[in-house]
Amino acid sequence: MERNMTQIALFAALIAALGLIPSLTLAFGVPITAQSMGIMLAGAILGARRGALAVLLFLALVALGLPLLAGGRGGLGAFVGPTSGFLVGWPVAAFVTGLIVERLRTGPLAVSVTLASIIGGIAVMYGFGIVGMSIVLDKTLVECTLLMAAFIPGDIIKAVLTGLITQALARSRPASILSRQ
């Protein structure tokens, strides 16, 4: 139990640290950030349940006002802006990514994790994000989907990096990949 809590807290901290990497905010308010890779890593390494809990812990800290989001944002206001759908979708994205890694045990780990990250960390996250953006910006789902198209190449790179990082971690410390236990 204590080990699980520590791992969840460490991944919440990792997600926060990835927000310190300088980001670029596009005109419609959605930043390009490394934090989405933290979501993918949490699910891939910790598994579905623990990964989602790590993201929920991170979001609770943001809601309390800690400036942990990219660009030093925090507080309840972050949950009503153009990125609010992404924030709501992050725990689900980590859960789905982790669930796929837990269930998909064929082929190289890097490929499985990359696929899981594309499905959970991109498709699921974008689903929530686009709906939230559509509501906040009062645009159609198609318009918001087109706005998000610019982010897809970078997110695919993050998914591949997540696969490679997870595979490297599995080689050096196999017991650390909790999604495979």
C-alpha atoms as a PDB file:
ATOM      1  CA  MET A   1       0.000   0.000   0.000  1.00  0.00           C
ATOM      2  CA  GLU A   2       2.733   2.441   1.009  1.00  0.00           C
ATOM      3  CA  ARG A   3       4.715   1.594  -2.147  1.00  0.00           C
ATOM      4  CA  ASN A   4       1.661   2.263  -4.316  1.00  0.00           C
ATOM      5  CA  MET A   5       1.090   5.641  -2.688  1.00  0.00           C
ATOM      6  CA  THR A   6       4.719   6.590  -3.234  1.00  0.00           C
ATOM      7  CA  GLN A   7       4.610   5.607  -6.898  1.00  0.00           C
ATOM      8  CA  ILE A   8       1.370   7.514  -7.444  1.00  0.00           C
ATOM      9  CA  ALA A   9       2.866  10.615  -5.793  1.00  0.00           C
ATOM     10  CA  LEU A  10       6.071  10.304  -7.832  1.00  0.00           C
ATOM     11  CA  PHE A  11       4.147  10.174 -11.098  1.00  0.00           C
ATOM     12  CA  ALA A  12       2.030  13.165 -10.072  1.00  0.00           C
ATOM     13  CA  ALA A  13       5.342  14.966  -9.495  1.00  0.00           C
ATOM     14  CA  LEU A  14       6.637  13.781 -12.883  1.00  0.00           C
ATOM     15  CA  ILE A  15       3.566  15.207 -14.613  1.00  0.00           C
ATOM     16  CA  ALA A  16       4.144  18.498 -12.782  1.00  0.00           C
ATOM     17  CA  ALA A  17       7.842  18.514 -13.727  1.00  0.00           C
ATOM     18  CA  LEU A  18       6.984  17.952 -17.387  1.00  0.00           C
ATOM     19  CA  GLY A  19       4.950  21.153 -17.204  1.00  0.00           C
ATOM     20  CA  LEU A  20       8.158  23.054 -16.448  1.00  0.00           C
ATOM     21  CA  ILE A  21       9.474  22.302 -19.912  1.00  0.00           C
ATOM     22  CA  PRO A  22       8.858  25.498 -21.869  1.00  0.00           C
ATOM     23  CA  SER A  23       5.642  25.309 -23.831  1.00  0.00           C
ATOM     24  CA  LEU A  24       4.181  27.162 -26.746  1.00  0.00           C
ATOM     25  CA  THR A  25       0.583  28.356 -26.484  1.00  0.00           C
ATOM     26  CA  LEU A  26      -1.324  28.662 -29.716  1.00  0.00           C
ATOM     27  CA  ALA A  27      -3.775  31.488 -30.406  1.00  0.00           C
ATOM     28  CA  PHE A  28      -6.826  29.535 -29.241  1.00  0.00           C
ATOM     29  CA  GLY A  29      -5.384  28.823 -25.791  1.00  0.00           C
ATOM     30  CA  VAL A  30      -4.133  25.229 -25.989  1.00  0.00           C
ATOM     31  CA  PRO A  31      -0.463  24.877 -24.996  1.00  0.00           C
ATOM     32  CA  ILE A  32       1.976  22.442 -26.567  1.00  0.00           C
ATOM     33  CA  THR A  33       3.336  20.717 -23.480  1.00  0.00           C
ATOM     34  CA  ALA A  34       5.199  17.596 -22.385  1.00  0.00           C
ATOM     35  CA  GLN A  35       2.632  16.913 -19.663  1.00  0.00           C
ATOM     36  CA  SER A  36       0.558  14.726 -21.964  1.00  0.00           C
ATOM     37  CA  MET A  37       3.553  12.389 -22.169  1.00  0.00           C
ATOM     38  CA  GLY A  38       3.449  12.173 -18.369  1.00  0.00           C
ATOM     39  CA  ILE A  39      -0.139  10.975 -18.651  1.00  0.00           C
ATOM     40  CA  MET A  40       0.932   8.284 -21.121  1.00  0.00           C
ATOM     41  CA  LEU A  41       3.875   7.241 -18.929  1.00  0.00           C
ATOM     42  CA  ALA A  42       1.696   7.039 -15.810  1.00  0.00           C
ATOM     43  CA  GLY A  43      -0.677   4.592 -17.479  1.00  0.00           C
ATOM     44  CA  ALA A  44       2.033   2.598 -19.229  1.00  0.00           C
ATOM     45  CA  ILE A  45       4.284   2.165 -16.206  1.00  0.00           C
ATOM     46  CA  LEU A  46       1.903   2.201 -13.239  1.00  0.00           C
ATOM     47  CA  GLY A  47      -1.018   0.460 -14.919  1.00  0.00           C
ATOM     48  CA  ALA A  48      -4.607   1.550 -15.343  1.00  0.00           C
ATOM     49  CA  ARG A  49      -5.713   2.122 -11.759  1.00  0.00           C
ATOM     50  CA  ARG A  50      -2.515   3.591 -10.308  1.00  0.00           C
ATOM     51  CA  GLY A  51      -1.893   5.690 -13.424  1.00  0.00           C
ATOM     52  CA  ALA A  52      -5.354   7.244 -13.210  1.00  0.00           C
ATOM     53  CA  LEU A  53      -4.874   7.868  -9.478  1.00  0.00           C
ATOM     54  CA  ALA A  54      -1.567   9.654 -10.148  1.00  0.00           C
ATOM     55  CA  VAL A  55      -3.306  11.944 -12.627  1.00  0.00           C
ATOM     56  CA  LEU A  56      -6.204  12.555 -10.220  1.00  0.00           C
ATOM     57  CA  LEU A  57      -3.710  13.508  -7.498  1.00  0.00           C
ATOM     58  CA  PHE A  58      -2.008  15.925  -9.888  1.00  0.00           C
ATOM     59  CA  LEU A  59      -5.368  17.459 -10.872  1.00  0.00           C
ATOM     60  CA  ALA A  60      -6.372  17.809  -7.201  1.00  0.00           C
ATOM     61  CA  LEU A  61      -3.189  19.791  -6.588  1.00  0.00           C
ATOM     62  CA  VAL A  62      -3.962  21.978  -9.610  1.00  0.00           C
ATOM     63  CA  ALA A  63      -7.520  22.529  -8.330  1.00  0.00           C
ATOM     64  CA  LEU A  64      -6.099  23.597  -4.964  1.00  0.00           C
ATOM     65  CA  GLY A  65      -4.269  26.374  -6.781  1.00  0.00           C
ATOM     66  CA  LEU A  66      -0.770  25.021  -7.259  1.00  0.00           C
ATOM     67  CA  PRO A  67       0.637  26.391 -10.542  1.00  0.00           C
ATOM     68  CA  LEU A  68       1.524  22.966 -11.954  1.00  0.00           C
ATOM     69  CA  LEU A  69       0.075  23.203 -15.438  1.00  0.00           C
ATOM     70  CA  ALA A  70       2.202  24.344 -18.349  1.00  0.00           C
ATOM     71  CA  GLY A  71       2.817  28.056 -18.158  1.00  0.00           C
ATOM     72  CA  GLY A  72       2.390  28.096 -14.374  1.00  0.00           C
ATOM     73  CA  ARG A  73      -1.390  27.824 -14.434  1.00  0.00           C
ATOM     74  CA  GLY A  74      -3.397  26.401 -11.570  1.00  0.00           C
ATOM     75  CA  GLY A  75      -6.617  26.829  -9.659  1.00  0.00           C
ATOM     76  CA  LEU A  76     -10.215  26.055 -10.479  1.00  0.00           C
ATOM     77  CA  GLY A  77     -10.148  28.458 -13.426  1.00  0.00           C
ATOM     78  CA  ALA A  78      -8.054  25.938 -15.359  1.00  0.00           C
ATOM     79  CA  PHE A  79     -11.065  23.615 -15.340  1.00  0.00           C
ATOM     80  CA  VAL A  80     -13.294  26.051 -17.241  1.00  0.00           C
ATOM     81  CA  GLY A  81     -10.939  27.216 -20.006  1.00  0.00           C
ATOM     82  CA  PRO A  82     -10.355  25.846 -23.507  1.00  0.00           C
ATOM     83  CA  THR A  83      -8.196  23.020 -22.120  1.00  0.00           C
ATOM     84  CA  SER A  84     -10.723  21.879 -19.521  1.00  0.00           C
ATOM     85  CA  GLY A  85     -11.817  18.874 -21.587  1.00  0.00           C
ATOM     86  CA  PHE A  86      -8.244  17.666 -21.740  1.00  0.00           C
ATOM     87  CA  LEU A  87      -7.868  17.951 -17.977  1.00  0.00           C
ATOM     88  CA  VAL A  88     -11.066  15.970 -17.436  1.00  0.00           C
ATOM     89  CA  GLY A  89      -9.878  13.381 -19.951  1.00  0.00           C
ATOM     90  CA  TRP A  90      -6.380  12.934 -18.518  1.00  0.00           C
ATOM     91  CA  PRO A  91      -7.297  10.344 -15.854  1.00  0.00           C
ATOM     92  CA  VAL A  92      -9.354   8.415 -18.394  1.00  0.00           C
ATOM     93  CA  ALA A  93      -6.471   8.571 -20.882  1.00  0.00           C
ATOM     94  CA  ALA A  94      -4.019   7.220 -18.290  1.00  0.00           C
ATOM     95  CA  PHE A  95      -6.492   4.486 -17.330  1.00  0.00           C
ATOM     96  CA  VAL A  96      -7.084   3.389 -20.936  1.00  0.00           C
ATOM     97  CA  THR A  97      -3.357   3.494 -21.742  1.00  0.00           C
ATOM     98  CA  GLY A  98      -2.600   1.366 -18.685  1.00  0.00           C
ATOM     99  CA  LEU A  99      -5.440  -1.053 -19.382  1.00  0.00           C
ATOM    100  CA  ILE A 100      -4.207  -1.677 -22.926  1.00  0.00           C
ATOM    101  CA  VAL A 101      -0.623  -2.238 -21.729  1.00  0.00           C
ATOM    102  CA  GLU A 102      -1.910  -4.634 -19.053  1.00  0.00           C
ATOM    103  CA  ARG A 103      -3.937  -6.631 -21.581  1.00  0.00           C
ATOM    104  CA  LEU A 104      -1.713  -6.446 -24.681  1.00  0.00           C
ATOM    105  CA  ARG A 105       1.157  -8.780 -23.909  1.00  0.00           C
ATOM    106  CA  THR A 106       2.196  -9.769 -27.428  1.00  0.00           C
ATOM    107  CA  GLY A 107       5.067  -8.259 -29.348  1.00  0.00           C
ATOM    108  CA  PRO A 108       7.789  -5.906 -28.138  1.00  0.00           C
ATOM    109  CA  LEU A 109       6.901  -3.758 -25.136  1.00  0.00           C
ATOM    110  CA  ALA A 110       7.820  -0.531 -26.947  1.00  0.00           C
ATOM    111  CA  VAL A 111       5.302  -1.293 -29.701  1.00  0.00           C
ATOM    112  CA  SER A 112       2.552  -2.249 -27.235  1.00  0.00           C
ATOM    113  CA  VAL A 113       3.095   0.882 -25.158  1.00  0.00           C
ATOM    114  CA  THR A 114       3.247   3.114 -28.246  1.00  0.00           C
ATOM    115  CA  LEU A 115      -0.034   1.650 -29.496  1.00  0.00           C
ATOM    116  CA  ALA A 116      -1.616   2.019 -26.042  1.00  0.00           C
ATOM    117  CA  SER A 117      -0.384   5.619 -25.850  1.00  0.00           C
ATOM    118  CA  ILE A 118      -1.842   6.438 -29.249  1.00  0.00           C
ATOM    119  CA  ILE A 119      -5.217   4.972 -28.317  1.00  0.00           C
ATOM    120  CA  GLY A 120      -5.407   6.149 -24.691  1.00  0.00           C
ATOM    121  CA  GLY A 121      -3.049   9.092 -24.583  1.00  0.00           C
ATOM    122  CA  ILE A 122      -4.090  10.629 -27.893  1.00  0.00           C
ATOM    123  CA  ALA A 123      -7.473   9.341 -29.131  1.00  0.00           C
ATOM    124  CA  VAL A 124      -9.199   9.255 -25.728  1.00  0.00           C
ATOM    125  CA  MET A 125      -7.590  12.492 -24.572  1.00  0.00           C
ATOM    126  CA  TYR A 126      -8.488  14.275 -27.806  1.00  0.00           C
ATOM    127  CA  GLY A 127     -12.060  13.009 -27.542  1.00  0.00           C
ATOM    128  CA  PHE A 128     -12.495  14.715 -24.185  1.00  0.00           C
ATOM    129  CA  GLY A 129     -10.440  17.743 -25.204  1.00  0.00           C
ATOM    130  CA  ILE A 130     -12.285  18.421 -28.432  1.00  0.00           C
ATOM    131  CA  VAL A 131     -15.689  18.174 -26.751  1.00  0.00           C
ATOM    132  CA  GLY A 132     -14.546  20.524 -23.964  1.00  0.00           C
ATOM    133  CA  MET A 133     -13.055  22.955 -26.437  1.00  0.00           C
ATOM    134  CA  SER A 134     -16.244  22.896 -28.501  1.00  0.00           C
ATOM    135  CA  ILE A 135     -18.306  23.812 -25.437  1.00  0.00           C
ATOM    136  CA  VAL A 136     -15.976  26.539 -24.145  1.00  0.00           C
ATOM    137  CA  LEU A 137     -15.183  28.134 -27.516  1.00  0.00           C
ATOM    138  CA  ASP A 138     -18.711  27.661 -28.908  1.00  0.00           C
ATOM    139  CA  LYS A 139     -17.372  25.979 -32.036  1.00  0.00           C
ATOM    140  CA  THR A 140     -18.489  22.808 -33.791  1.00  0.00           C
ATOM    141  CA  LEU A 141     -16.772  19.504 -33.107  1.00  0.00           C
ATOM    142  CA  VAL A 142     -15.416  19.550 -36.659  1.00  0.00           C
ATOM    143  CA  GLU A 143     -13.910  23.019 -36.190  1.00  0.00           C
ATOM    144  CA  CYS A 144     -12.270  21.984 -32.937  1.00  0.00           C
ATOM    145  CA  THR A 145     -10.994  18.759 -34.461  1.00  0.00           C
ATOM    146  CA  LEU A 146      -9.357  20.778 -37.239  1.00  0.00           C
ATOM    147  CA  LEU A 147      -7.830  23.127 -34.653  1.00  0.00           C
ATOM    148  CA  MET A 148      -6.300  20.122 -32.885  1.00  0.00           C
ATOM    149  CA  ALA A 149      -4.808  18.586 -36.038  1.00  0.00           C
ATOM    150  CA  ALA A 150      -1.610  20.610 -35.562  1.00  0.00           C
ATOM    151  CA  PHE A 151      -0.926  18.757 -32.297  1.00  0.00           C
ATOM    152  CA  ILE A 152      -1.129  15.206 -33.660  1.00  0.00           C
ATOM    153  CA  PRO A 153       2.464  14.869 -34.981  1.00  0.00           C
ATOM    154  CA  GLY A 154       3.940  16.021 -31.661  1.00  0.00           C
ATOM    155  CA  ASP A 155       1.680  13.709 -29.691  1.00  0.00           C
ATOM    156  CA  ILE A 156       2.669  10.758 -31.870  1.00  0.00           C
ATOM    157  CA  ILE A 157       6.309  11.560 -31.104  1.00  0.00           C
ATOM    158  CA  LYS A 158       5.418  11.601 -27.376  1.00  0.00           C
ATOM    159  CA  ALA A 159       3.692   8.207 -27.745  1.00  0.00           C
ATOM    160  CA  VAL A 160       6.784   6.716 -29.410  1.00  0.00           C
ATOM    161  CA  LEU A 161       9.036   8.218 -26.720  1.00  0.00           C
ATOM    162  CA  THR A 162       6.742   6.743 -24.060  1.00  0.00           C
ATOM    163  CA  GLY A 163       7.156   3.324 -25.667  1.00  0.00           C
ATOM    164  CA  LEU A 164      10.934   3.653 -25.831  1.00  0.00           C
ATOM    165  CA  ILE A 165      11.232   4.968 -22.258  1.00  0.00           C
ATOM    166  CA  THR A 166       9.018   2.185 -20.917  1.00  0.00           C
ATOM    167  CA  GLN A 167      11.001  -0.455 -22.796  1.00  0.00           C
ATOM    168  CA  ALA A 168      14.312   0.949 -21.514  1.00  0.00           C
ATOM    169  CA  LEU A 169      12.964   0.991 -17.964  1.00  0.00           C
ATOM    170  CA  ALA A 170      11.716  -2.596 -18.346  1.00  0.00           C
ATOM    171  CA  ARG A 171      15.182  -3.709 -19.456  1.00  0.00           C
ATOM    172  CA  SER A 172      16.984  -2.007 -16.589  1.00  0.00           C
ATOM    173  CA  ARG A 173      14.378  -2.606 -13.847  1.00  0.00           C
ATOM    174  CA  PRO A 174      11.736  -5.128 -14.992  1.00  0.00           C
ATOM    175  CA  ALA A 175       9.873  -5.016 -11.671  1.00  0.00           C
ATOM    176  CA  SER A 176       9.244  -1.286 -12.093  1.00  0.00           C
ATOM    177  CA  ILE A 177       6.745  -1.803 -14.930  1.00  0.00           C
ATOM    178  CA  LEU A 178       3.697  -2.374 -12.739  1.00  0.00           C
ATOM    179  CA  SER A 179       1.352  -2.572 -15.719  1.00  0.00           C
ATOM    180  CA  ARG A 180       3.004  -5.883 -16.655  1.00  0.00           C
ATOM    181  CA  GLN A 181       2.785  -7.554 -13.240  1.00  0.00           C
END
